[in-house]
Protein backbone atom coordinates (compact mmCIF):
# COMPACT_ATOMS: atom_id res chain seq x y z
CA UNK A 1 -0.16 -0.18 -0.25
CA UNK A 2 2.64 2.40 1.28
CA UNK A 3 4.18 1.36 -2.37
CA UNK A 4 1.43 2.05 -4.16
CA UNK A 5 1.27 5.41 -2.86
CA UNK A 6 4.28 6.26 -3.63
CA UNK A 7 3.84 5.80 -6.94
CA UNK A 8 0.55 7.79 -7.53
CA UNK A 9 2.54 10.99 -5.65
CA UNK A 10 5.55 10.73 -8.41
CA UNK A 11 2.90 10.56 -10.99
CA UNK A 12 1.28 13.65 -9.28
CA UNK A 13 4.75 15.46 -9.38
CA UNK A 14 5.41 14.21 -13.28
CA UNK A 15 2.03 15.70 -14.55
CA UNK A 16 2.48 18.87 -12.36
CA UNK A 17 5.53 19.43 -13.53
CA UNK A 18 4.41 18.76 -17.48
CA UNK A 19 1.76 20.80 -16.76
CA UNK A 20 4.08 23.86 -15.47
CA UNK A 21 6.48 23.47 -18.65
CA UNK A 22 3.76 23.62 -20.97
CA UNK A 23 2.22 27.05 -19.42
CA UNK A 24 5.73 28.30 -19.34
CA UNK A 25 5.57 28.30 -23.26
CA UNK A 26 2.42 30.11 -23.80
CA UNK A 27 2.54 33.27 -24.90
CA UNK A 28 1.41 36.25 -22.55
CA UNK A 29 -1.48 37.45 -23.62
CA UNK A 30 -2.62 41.05 -22.14
CA UNK A 31 -5.40 42.90 -22.66
CA UNK A 32 -5.23 46.24 -24.12
CA UNK A 33 -8.26 49.36 -22.49
CA UNK A 34 -10.52 49.36 -24.86
CA UNK A 35 -11.00 52.27 -27.67
CA UNK A 36 -13.84 53.78 -25.84
CA UNK A 37 -11.79 53.94 -22.59
CA UNK A 38 -8.50 54.95 -24.05
CA UNK A 39 -9.92 57.88 -26.32
CA UNK A 40 -10.81 61.65 -24.52
CA UNK A 41 -13.82 63.04 -23.48
CA UNK A 42 -15.00 66.00 -22.87
CA UNK A 43 -15.20 66.59 -18.58
CA UNK A 44 -16.69 70.18 -19.07
CA UNK A 45 -19.54 69.20 -21.71
CA UNK A 46 -20.71 72.65 -22.89
CA UNK A 47 -24.77 71.95 -21.82
CA UNK A 48 -23.71 73.29 -18.36
CA UNK A 49 -23.06 76.69 -19.90
CA UNK A 50 -26.44 76.90 -21.99
CA UNK A 51 -29.85 77.72 -20.70
CA UNK A 52 -31.44 76.12 -18.24
CA UNK A 53 -28.48 74.11 -17.09
CA UNK A 54 -26.30 76.79 -16.83
CA UNK A 55 -27.78 78.27 -13.64
CA UNK A 56 -29.24 74.95 -12.18
CA UNK A 57 -26.37 72.60 -12.41
CA UNK A 58 -22.96 73.06 -10.99
CA UNK A 59 -19.95 72.32 -13.67
CA UNK A 60 -17.83 69.16 -12.86
CA UNK A 61 -14.51 70.25 -10.48
CA UNK A 62 -11.83 71.83 -13.36
CA UNK A 63 -14.32 73.08 -15.41
CA UNK A 64 -14.63 76.96 -16.23
CA UNK A 65 -16.87 78.16 -13.44
CA UNK A 66 -20.86 78.55 -14.91
CA UNK A 67 -23.76 80.73 -13.09
CA UNK A 68 -25.06 78.02 -10.67
CA UNK A 69 -21.54 77.67 -9.38
CA UNK A 70 -20.88 81.18 -8.84
CA UNK A 71 -24.43 81.64 -7.21
CA UNK A 72 -22.79 79.04 -4.64
CA UNK A 73 -19.74 80.28 -4.57
CA UNK A 74 -19.58 84.13 -5.10
CA UNK A 75 -16.38 84.72 -5.64
CA UNK A 76 -15.99 82.54 -8.33
CA UNK A 77 -16.04 84.48 -12.11
CA UNK A 78 -17.63 83.03 -14.65
CA UNK A 79 -16.04 82.30 -17.83
CA UNK A 80 -17.51 83.28 -21.11
CA UNK A 81 -17.29 80.33 -24.04
CA UNK A 82 -15.70 81.04 -26.97
CA UNK A 83 -18.11 81.93 -29.29
CA UNK A 84 -18.53 79.00 -32.62
CA UNK A 85 -17.42 80.06 -36.08
CA UNK A 86 -20.09 81.12 -38.28
CA UNK A 87 -21.10 79.25 -41.28
CA UNK A 88 -19.50 80.35 -44.58
CA UNK A 89 -21.01 83.62 -45.61
CA UNK A 90 -22.35 84.44 -42.44
CA UNK A 91 -21.01 87.92 -41.40
CA UNK A 92 -20.98 89.36 -37.69
CA UNK A 93 -21.32 92.88 -37.19
CA UNK A 94 -18.19 94.08 -34.47
CA UNK A 95 -18.84 93.51 -30.70
CA UNK A 96 -21.39 96.10 -29.17
CA UNK A 97 -18.28 97.16 -27.35
CA UNK A 98 -15.80 97.82 -30.32
CA UNK A 99 -18.01 98.48 -33.11
CA UNK A 100 -18.76 101.85 -34.53
CA UNK A 101 -21.64 103.26 -35.88
CA UNK A 102 -22.86 101.74 -39.59
CA UNK A 103 -21.97 103.83 -42.20
CA UNK A 104 -25.16 103.43 -44.14
CA UNK A 105 -28.54 101.29 -43.59
CA UNK A 106 -30.22 99.78 -46.49
CA UNK A 107 -33.94 98.52 -46.50
CA UNK A 108 -33.69 94.72 -47.75
CA UNK A 109 -36.06 93.66 -50.03
CA UNK A 110 -37.36 90.14 -49.02
CA UNK A 111 -33.99 89.71 -47.16
CA UNK A 112 -32.16 90.04 -50.25
CA UNK A 113 -29.97 92.68 -51.85
CA UNK A 114 -28.15 93.94 -55.09
CA UNK A 115 -24.63 95.61 -54.89
CA UNK A 116 -23.17 97.87 -57.26
CA UNK A 117 -19.07 97.85 -57.20
CA UNK A 118 -17.80 100.97 -58.80
CA UNK A 119 -14.05 100.62 -58.96
CA UNK A 120 -12.97 104.76 -59.52
CA UNK A 121 -8.99 103.51 -59.48
CA UNK A 122 -7.23 102.66 -62.29
CA UNK A 123 -6.01 99.43 -60.60
CA UNK A 124 -6.95 96.05 -61.24
CA UNK A 125 -9.65 95.03 -57.60
CA UNK A 126 -11.03 91.43 -56.32
CA UNK A 127 -13.75 91.13 -54.59
CA UNK A 128 -16.13 87.94 -53.45
CA UNK A 129 -19.33 87.75 -51.97
CA UNK A 130 -18.26 85.21 -49.38
CA UNK A 131 -19.94 82.05 -49.32
CA UNK A 132 -21.98 83.51 -52.28
CA UNK A 133 -19.68 84.13 -55.14
CA UNK A 134 -15.89 82.87 -56.53
CA UNK A 135 -13.38 85.65 -56.31
CA UNK A 136 -13.34 87.82 -59.08
CA UNK A 137 -11.83 90.42 -60.70
CA UNK A 138 -13.06 94.26 -61.41
CA UNK A 139 -11.32 96.05 -64.06
CA UNK A 140 -9.99 99.78 -63.85
CA UNK A 141 -13.01 102.38 -64.21
CA UNK A 142 -15.86 99.72 -64.47
CA UNK A 143 -18.38 98.07 -62.31
CA UNK A 144 -20.36 95.20 -61.38
CA UNK A 145 -23.62 94.44 -59.99
CA UNK A 146 -24.06 91.22 -57.52
CA UNK A 147 -28.13 90.85 -57.48
CA UNK A 148 -29.82 89.32 -55.24
CA UNK A 149 -27.51 88.58 -52.34
CA UNK A 150 -29.06 86.81 -48.96
CA UNK A 151 -28.82 89.01 -46.08
CA UNK A 152 -26.04 88.72 -43.97
CA UNK A 153 -23.74 88.92 -46.45
CA UNK A 154 -19.53 89.80 -46.45
CA UNK A 155 -17.94 91.52 -49.11
CA UNK A 156 -14.61 91.54 -49.28
CA UNK A 157 -12.42 93.79 -51.76
CA UNK A 158 -8.42 93.82 -52.51
CA UNK A 159 -6.23 96.16 -55.39
CA UNK A 160 -4.06 94.44 -56.51
CA UNK A 161 -1.51 96.81 -56.94
CA UNK A 162 -0.58 97.40 -53.42
CA UNK A 163 -2.30 100.79 -53.79
CA UNK A 164 -4.72 102.38 -51.25
CA UNK A 165 -8.31 101.61 -51.15
CA UNK A 166 -10.96 103.55 -49.45
CA UNK A 167 -14.54 101.64 -49.66
CA UNK A 168 -17.48 103.94 -49.82
CA UNK A 169 -21.02 102.49 -49.56
CA UNK A 170 -24.43 104.76 -49.86
CA UNK A 171 -28.00 103.30 -50.44
CA UNK A 172 -29.82 104.68 -53.48
CA UNK A 173 -32.79 102.65 -53.15
CA UNK A 174 -34.81 100.12 -51.17
CA UNK A 175 -33.17 96.78 -51.92
CA UNK A 176 -30.15 98.24 -53.91
CA UNK A 177 -26.46 99.48 -52.44
CA UNK A 178 -24.14 101.61 -54.48
CA UNK A 179 -20.44 100.77 -53.49
CA UNK A 180 -17.60 103.50 -54.61
CA UNK A 181 -14.18 101.78 -54.39
CA UNK A 182 -11.63 104.51 -54.62
CA UNK A 183 -8.00 105.46 -54.52
CA UNK A 184 -7.47 107.63 -51.10
CA UNK A 185 -4.04 108.70 -49.59
CA UNK A 186 -5.57 109.04 -46.35
CA UNK A 187 -5.56 105.36 -45.34
CA UNK A 188 -2.89 103.16 -45.29
CA UNK A 189 -4.99 99.42 -46.51
CA UNK A 190 -4.90 97.82 -49.32
CA UNK A 191 -8.35 95.98 -48.82
CA UNK A 192 -11.45 96.95 -47.50
CA UNK A 193 -14.40 94.52 -45.95
CA UNK A 194 -17.99 95.44 -46.38
CA UNK A 195 -20.63 93.64 -44.01
CA UNK A 196 -24.37 94.11 -44.22
CA UNK A 197 -26.52 92.64 -41.52
CA UNK A 198 -30.10 91.39 -41.42
CA UNK A 199 -31.75 95.03 -40.23
CA UNK A 200 -29.79 96.38 -43.39
CA UNK A 201 -26.94 98.12 -41.39
CA UNK A 202 -23.78 98.10 -43.61
CA UNK A 203 -20.11 98.77 -41.69
CA UNK A 204 -16.55 99.37 -43.05
CA UNK A 205 -13.56 97.11 -41.81
């Protein structure tokens, strides 16, 4: 009986040794974190800064302060969110604290307007109605009419010879705007940007 137990114990040790050597030969398998857990998430969702959550839900720790958190801790200052970029073709007037008065105002016709560009210089001028036309050229002493542009709209003009350019808009009749492109030595810019808002106010930058 003792001899039989001794044989069984030796056989058991032999099986353990064989299994151990097989396990040592297996490749090591590591589990990589999933793509979802590895990818970055937005720790400060924009919803915390929009109505109605901006004054009813406190932001997560480490995020810019919103109105709700400021109410709980008056010493905090709210941090305004960066404005999202406007879609192509949409213009925006200067901020209230920096804007000057509009240079003129035109009465839109069905939220559309036609713009006449008159090149009163002897130079070639490049112009574009952003989002509505390709970049085009206007010869010296010539004019062009951009018809039925939807508002708001931004028109850029650039003088190609490096000379100085003055952009002078004048409202002629409802739905029409005339823009004179003049050579003016009192300015130090070779380009001008015309912004026409939905209410017909016209800004020049």
